[in-house]
N, C-alpha and C. Protein backbone atom coordinates (compact mmCIF):
# COMPACT_ATOMS: atom_id res chain seq x y z
N MET A 1 -9.05 2.60 -5.39
CA MET A 1 -8.71 1.54 -4.74
C MET A 1 -6.94 2.26 -4.37
N CYS A 2 -7.00 1.72 -2.97
CA CYS A 2 -5.56 1.75 -2.21
C CYS A 2 -4.74 0.84 -2.05
N PHE A 3 -3.56 1.09 -2.71
CA PHE A 3 -2.75 -0.43 -2.73
C PHE A 3 -1.75 0.49 -1.81
N GLY A 4 -1.35 -0.39 -0.70
CA GLY A 4 -0.51 -0.02 0.47
C GLY A 4 0.22 -0.85 1.00
N ASP A 5 0.52 -0.62 2.59
CA ASP A 5 1.12 -1.33 3.17
C ASP A 5 0.43 -1.46 5.07
N SER A 6 1.41 -1.47 5.95
CA SER A 6 0.14 -1.33 7.14
C SER A 6 -0.62 0.07 6.70
N ASN A 7 0.07 1.02 6.98
CA ASN A 7 -0.44 2.41 6.91
C ASN A 7 -2.02 2.04 6.20
N THR A 8 -1.81 1.84 5.05
CA THR A 8 -3.39 1.77 4.17
C THR A 8 -4.19 0.76 5.04
N TYR A 9 -3.39 -0.97 5.13
CA TYR A 9 -4.45 -1.40 5.89
C TYR A 9 -4.95 -0.81 7.22
N GLY A 10 -4.39 -0.17 7.80
CA GLY A 10 -4.72 0.52 9.22
C GLY A 10 -4.48 0.02 10.24
N TYR A 11 -3.36 -0.82 10.61
CA TYR A 11 -2.81 -1.83 11.42
C TYR A 11 -2.80 -0.77 12.41
N ASP A 12 -3.00 -1.27 14.08
CA ASP A 12 -2.84 -0.78 14.97
C ASP A 12 -1.66 -1.61 15.59
N PRO A 13 -0.55 -0.75 16.23
CA PRO A 13 0.49 -1.27 16.02
C PRO A 13 0.37 -1.94 17.66
N ARG A 14 -0.81 -1.77 18.26
CA ARG A 14 -0.75 -1.85 20.37
C ARG A 14 -1.43 -2.77 19.79
N SER A 15 -1.78 -3.70 19.03
CA SER A 15 -2.38 -5.26 18.91
C SER A 15 -1.64 -5.91 18.51
N TYR A 16 -1.67 -7.04 19.24
CA TYR A 16 -0.71 -8.21 19.47
C TYR A 16 -0.82 -8.72 18.48
N LEU A 17 -2.42 -9.17 18.07
CA LEU A 17 -2.61 -10.06 16.74
C LEU A 17 -2.56 -9.58 15.57
N GLY A 18 -2.20 -8.17 15.14
CA GLY A 18 -3.16 -7.44 14.21
C GLY A 18 -4.03 -6.99 13.76
N GLY A 19 -4.62 -6.36 15.06
CA GLY A 19 -5.93 -5.72 14.60
C GLY A 19 -5.30 -4.18 14.24
N ARG A 20 -6.48 -4.04 13.72
CA ARG A 20 -6.51 -2.60 12.90
C ARG A 20 -7.38 -1.43 14.03
N TYR A 21 -6.74 -0.29 13.10
CA TYR A 21 -7.35 0.95 14.25
C TYR A 21 -9.12 0.76 13.56
N PRO A 22 -9.98 1.86 14.33
CA PRO A 22 -11.36 1.72 13.97
C PRO A 22 -11.25 2.18 12.74
N ARG A 23 -12.28 1.97 12.00
CA ARG A 23 -12.60 2.66 10.40
C ARG A 23 -12.63 3.99 10.30
N SER A 24 -13.28 4.65 11.59
CA SER A 24 -13.57 6.53 11.15
C SER A 24 -11.77 6.84 11.40
N VAL A 25 -10.82 6.35 12.12
CA VAL A 25 -9.36 6.49 12.33
C VAL A 25 -8.84 6.10 11.29
N ARG A 26 -8.66 5.14 10.17
CA ARG A 26 -8.05 4.55 9.03
C ARG A 26 -8.13 5.98 8.36
N TRP A 27 -7.08 6.30 7.40
CA TRP A 27 -7.38 7.22 6.27
C TRP A 27 -7.97 6.99 5.15
N THR A 28 -8.35 5.49 4.81
CA THR A 28 -9.33 4.96 4.24
C THR A 28 -10.43 4.94 4.32
N GLY A 29 -10.98 4.74 6.13
CA GLY A 29 -12.08 4.73 6.23
C GLY A 29 -12.67 6.68 6.27
N ARG A 30 -11.83 7.29 6.52
CA ARG A 30 -12.04 8.74 6.40
C ARG A 30 -12.38 9.23 4.75
N LEU A 31 -11.91 8.53 4.22
CA LEU A 31 -11.96 8.59 2.43
C LEU A 31 -14.03 8.05 2.59
N GLU A 32 -14.06 6.96 2.73
CA GLU A 32 -15.36 6.24 2.82
C GLU A 32 -16.54 6.93 3.50
N GLU A 33 -16.14 7.82 4.81
CA GLU A 33 -16.99 8.71 5.51
C GLU A 33 -16.96 10.25 4.31
N ASP A 34 -16.26 10.42 3.52
CA ASP A 34 -16.71 11.55 2.90
C ASP A 34 -17.17 10.96 1.29
N GLY A 35 -17.93 9.78 1.35
CA GLY A 35 -18.21 9.60 0.17
C GLY A 35 -17.77 9.04 -0.83
N TRP A 36 -16.76 8.14 -0.55
CA TRP A 36 -15.65 7.68 -1.94
C TRP A 36 -16.32 6.37 -1.79
N GLU A 37 -16.06 5.81 -2.29
CA GLU A 37 -15.94 3.72 -2.43
C GLU A 37 -14.71 3.48 -2.09
N VAL A 38 -14.07 2.81 -1.33
CA VAL A 38 -12.94 2.30 -0.93
C VAL A 38 -12.88 0.93 -1.31
N PHE A 39 -11.62 0.55 -2.12
CA PHE A 39 -11.44 -1.17 -2.03
C PHE A 39 -9.92 -1.06 -1.68
N ASN A 40 -9.86 -1.33 -0.67
CA ASN A 40 -8.61 -1.11 0.60
C ASN A 40 -7.69 -2.32 0.02
N GLN A 41 -6.23 -2.38 -0.73
CA GLN A 41 -5.58 -3.11 -0.73
C GLN A 41 -4.48 -2.93 -0.04
N GLY A 42 -4.58 -3.04 1.14
CA GLY A 42 -3.72 -2.55 2.48
C GLY A 42 -3.10 -3.77 2.59
N GLU A 43 -1.68 -4.16 2.91
CA GLU A 43 -1.00 -5.45 3.27
C GLU A 43 0.28 -5.14 4.22
N ASN A 44 -0.54 -5.05 5.55
CA ASN A 44 1.06 -5.67 6.60
C ASN A 44 2.36 -6.12 5.95
N GLY A 45 3.32 -5.06 6.52
CA GLY A 45 4.63 -5.51 5.45
C GLY A 45 4.74 -5.77 3.83
N ARG A 46 3.96 -4.73 3.23
CA ARG A 46 3.99 -4.86 1.48
C ARG A 46 5.02 -3.52 1.60
N SER A 47 5.84 -4.46 0.40
CA SER A 47 6.73 -3.37 0.21
C SER A 47 6.72 -3.11 -1.22
N ILE A 48 7.90 -2.15 -1.94
CA ILE A 48 7.44 -1.59 -3.05
C ILE A 48 7.65 -2.90 -4.13
N PRO A 49 7.36 -3.66 -4.90
CA PRO A 49 7.67 -4.74 -5.88
C PRO A 49 8.66 -4.36 -6.96
N ARG A 50 9.70 -5.42 -6.57
CA ARG A 50 11.06 -5.01 -7.50
C ARG A 50 11.33 -5.86 -8.18
N LEU A 51 10.82 -7.01 -7.99
CA LEU A 51 10.83 -8.49 -9.36
C LEU A 51 9.75 -8.40 -10.05
N ASP A 52 10.29 -8.67 -11.08
CA ASP A 52 9.22 -8.71 -12.45
C ASP A 52 7.69 -9.73 -12.09
N PHE A 53 7.96 -10.85 -11.42
CA PHE A 53 7.17 -11.84 -10.40
C PHE A 53 6.27 -10.96 -9.70
N GLU A 54 7.17 -9.89 -8.59
CA GLU A 54 6.06 -9.25 -7.66
C GLU A 54 5.22 -8.08 -8.66
N ILE A 55 5.78 -7.55 -9.53
CA ILE A 55 5.33 -6.71 -9.99
C ILE A 55 4.46 -7.21 -10.68
N GLU A 56 4.36 -8.21 -11.63
CA GLU A 56 3.24 -9.14 -12.06
C GLU A 56 1.69 -9.32 -11.27
N ALA A 57 2.38 -9.88 -9.72
CA ALA A 57 1.21 -9.89 -8.92
C ALA A 57 0.23 -8.85 -8.46
N ALA A 58 1.02 -7.43 -8.27
CA ALA A 58 0.59 -6.61 -7.98
C ALA A 58 -0.20 -5.98 -9.05
N VAL A 59 0.36 -5.96 -10.31
CA VAL A 59 -0.44 -5.37 -11.27
C VAL A 59 -1.89 -6.37 -11.68
N GLN A 60 -1.81 -7.94 -11.59
CA GLN A 60 -2.97 -8.57 -11.56
C GLN A 60 -4.36 -7.96 -10.46
N SER A 61 -3.71 -7.38 -9.35
CA SER A 61 -4.85 -7.51 -8.00
C SER A 61 -5.66 -6.05 -8.57
N VAL A 62 -4.83 -5.67 -9.31
CA VAL A 62 -5.66 -3.86 -9.88
C VAL A 62 -6.86 -3.67 -10.58
N PRO A 63 -6.64 -4.52 -12.03
CA PRO A 63 -7.80 -4.90 -12.87
C PRO A 63 -8.94 -5.66 -12.35
N LYS A 64 -8.97 -6.55 -11.14
CA LYS A 64 -10.07 -7.04 -10.48
C LYS A 64 -10.89 -5.97 -9.98
N ALA A 65 -10.57 -4.78 -9.51
CA ALA A 65 -11.45 -3.84 -9.00
C ALA A 65 -11.80 -3.35 -9.82
N ARG A 66 -11.53 -2.68 -10.90
CA ARG A 66 -12.01 -1.85 -11.95
C ARG A 66 -11.54 -0.60 -11.48
N PRO A 67 -10.72 0.12 -10.49
CA PRO A 67 -10.84 1.43 -10.21
C PRO A 67 -10.92 2.63 -10.66
N ASP A 68 -11.62 3.20 -10.66
CA ASP A 68 -11.21 4.55 -11.11
C ASP A 68 -10.33 5.60 -11.23
N ILE A 69 -9.90 5.95 -9.79
CA ILE A 69 -8.71 6.21 -9.22
C ILE A 69 -7.75 4.87 -8.52
N LEU A 70 -6.46 5.19 -8.83
CA LEU A 70 -5.71 4.24 -7.97
C LEU A 70 -4.82 5.36 -7.24
N THR A 71 -4.73 4.64 -5.64
CA THR A 71 -3.37 5.24 -4.78
C THR A 71 -2.58 4.23 -4.27
N VAL A 72 -1.39 4.55 -4.16
CA VAL A 72 -0.17 3.86 -4.03
C VAL A 72 0.44 4.43 -2.35
N MET A 73 0.46 3.97 -1.73
CA MET A 73 1.37 4.59 -0.64
C MET A 73 2.18 3.05 0.29
N LEU A 74 3.27 3.58 -0.65
CA LEU A 74 4.66 2.08 -0.11
C LEU A 74 5.81 2.92 -0.52
N GLY A 75 6.40 2.29 0.72
CA GLY A 75 8.28 2.92 0.39
C GLY A 75 8.36 2.37 2.17
N SER A 76 7.66 2.33 3.34
CA SER A 76 7.96 2.71 4.65
C SER A 76 8.66 1.21 4.93
N ASN A 77 8.11 0.22 4.38
CA ASN A 77 8.82 -0.94 4.69
C ASN A 77 10.16 -1.02 4.17
N ASP A 78 10.17 -0.65 2.77
CA ASP A 78 11.75 -0.55 2.15
C ASP A 78 12.87 -0.12 2.89
N LEU A 79 12.32 1.31 3.26
CA LEU A 79 13.38 1.66 4.35
C LEU A 79 13.71 1.21 6.01
N LEU A 80 13.01 0.61 6.35
CA LEU A 80 13.01 0.18 7.30
C LEU A 80 13.39 -1.18 7.59
N GLN A 81 13.39 -1.96 6.32
CA GLN A 81 13.60 -3.05 6.62
C GLN A 81 15.55 -3.33 5.42
N CYS A 82 15.57 -2.28 5.27
CA CYS A 82 16.70 -2.12 4.27
C CYS A 82 17.61 -0.81 4.29
N PRO A 83 18.20 -0.89 6.05
CA PRO A 83 18.58 0.16 6.58
C PRO A 83 20.22 0.86 5.45
N GLY A 84 20.57 0.79 4.64
CA GLY A 84 21.25 1.37 3.83
C GLY A 84 20.46 1.84 2.84
N LEU A 85 19.75 1.50 2.15
CA LEU A 85 18.06 2.12 1.36
C LEU A 85 18.07 3.82 1.44
N THR A 86 18.53 4.28 0.33
CA THR A 86 18.27 5.80 0.64
C THR A 86 16.70 6.27 0.16
N ALA A 87 16.74 7.00 0.11
CA ALA A 87 15.09 7.53 -0.43
C ALA A 87 14.66 8.21 -1.72
N ARG A 88 16.27 8.39 -2.04
CA ARG A 88 16.44 8.63 -3.75
C ARG A 88 16.15 7.15 -4.57
N VAL A 89 16.98 5.80 -3.76
CA VAL A 89 16.79 4.40 -4.65
C VAL A 89 15.41 4.22 -4.29
N CYS A 90 14.78 4.08 -3.06
CA CYS A 90 13.17 3.94 -2.65
C CYS A 90 12.28 4.48 -3.81
N GLY A 91 13.05 5.66 -3.99
CA GLY A 91 11.98 6.71 -5.50
C GLY A 91 11.99 6.22 -6.56
N GLU A 92 13.42 5.77 -6.89
CA GLU A 92 13.69 4.78 -8.26
C GLU A 92 12.49 3.27 -8.55
N GLN A 93 13.03 2.70 -7.25
CA GLN A 93 12.54 1.62 -7.21
C GLN A 93 10.62 1.81 -7.85
N MET A 94 10.23 3.01 -7.16
CA MET A 94 8.62 3.29 -6.97
C MET A 94 8.55 3.57 -8.32
N GLU A 95 9.18 4.54 -8.79
CA GLU A 95 9.56 4.64 -10.58
C GLU A 95 9.10 3.71 -11.32
N ARG A 96 9.77 2.95 -11.21
CA ARG A 96 10.11 1.10 -12.30
C ARG A 96 8.63 0.69 -11.90
N PHE A 97 8.04 0.76 -10.81
CA PHE A 97 7.14 -0.07 -10.61
C PHE A 97 5.10 0.97 -11.03
N LEU A 98 5.24 2.20 -10.85
CA LEU A 98 4.28 2.46 -11.00
C LEU A 98 3.58 2.38 -12.35
N PRO A 99 4.57 2.75 -13.75
CA PRO A 99 4.26 2.55 -14.94
C PRO A 99 3.57 1.36 -15.37
N HIS A 100 3.81 -0.15 -14.52
CA HIS A 100 2.99 -1.43 -14.40
C HIS A 100 1.24 -0.96 -14.07
N SER A 101 0.99 -0.48 -13.03
CA SER A 101 0.36 -0.27 -12.25
C SER A 101 -0.73 0.24 -12.86
């Protein structure tokens, strides 16, 4: 399972309506080409869950897929949307979230 933001989703910024890059270009698609079964949980605009209800909602999406491996790619939107946020604080937020997932 790949849980993340638009980079995981494969969002193509050239697309006005939220289109995606071709599967062969997306990093999750490249994993599939290498034989992995990928459950793509990428969502445009997603940031690191911080509030208890956000963490709970994210955690609820993981058991449904019963993944053998979970990858998390988050933090880009946090840094883009909060100009004063440092990489250190972003990392601390991720450390708080990861034990729950």
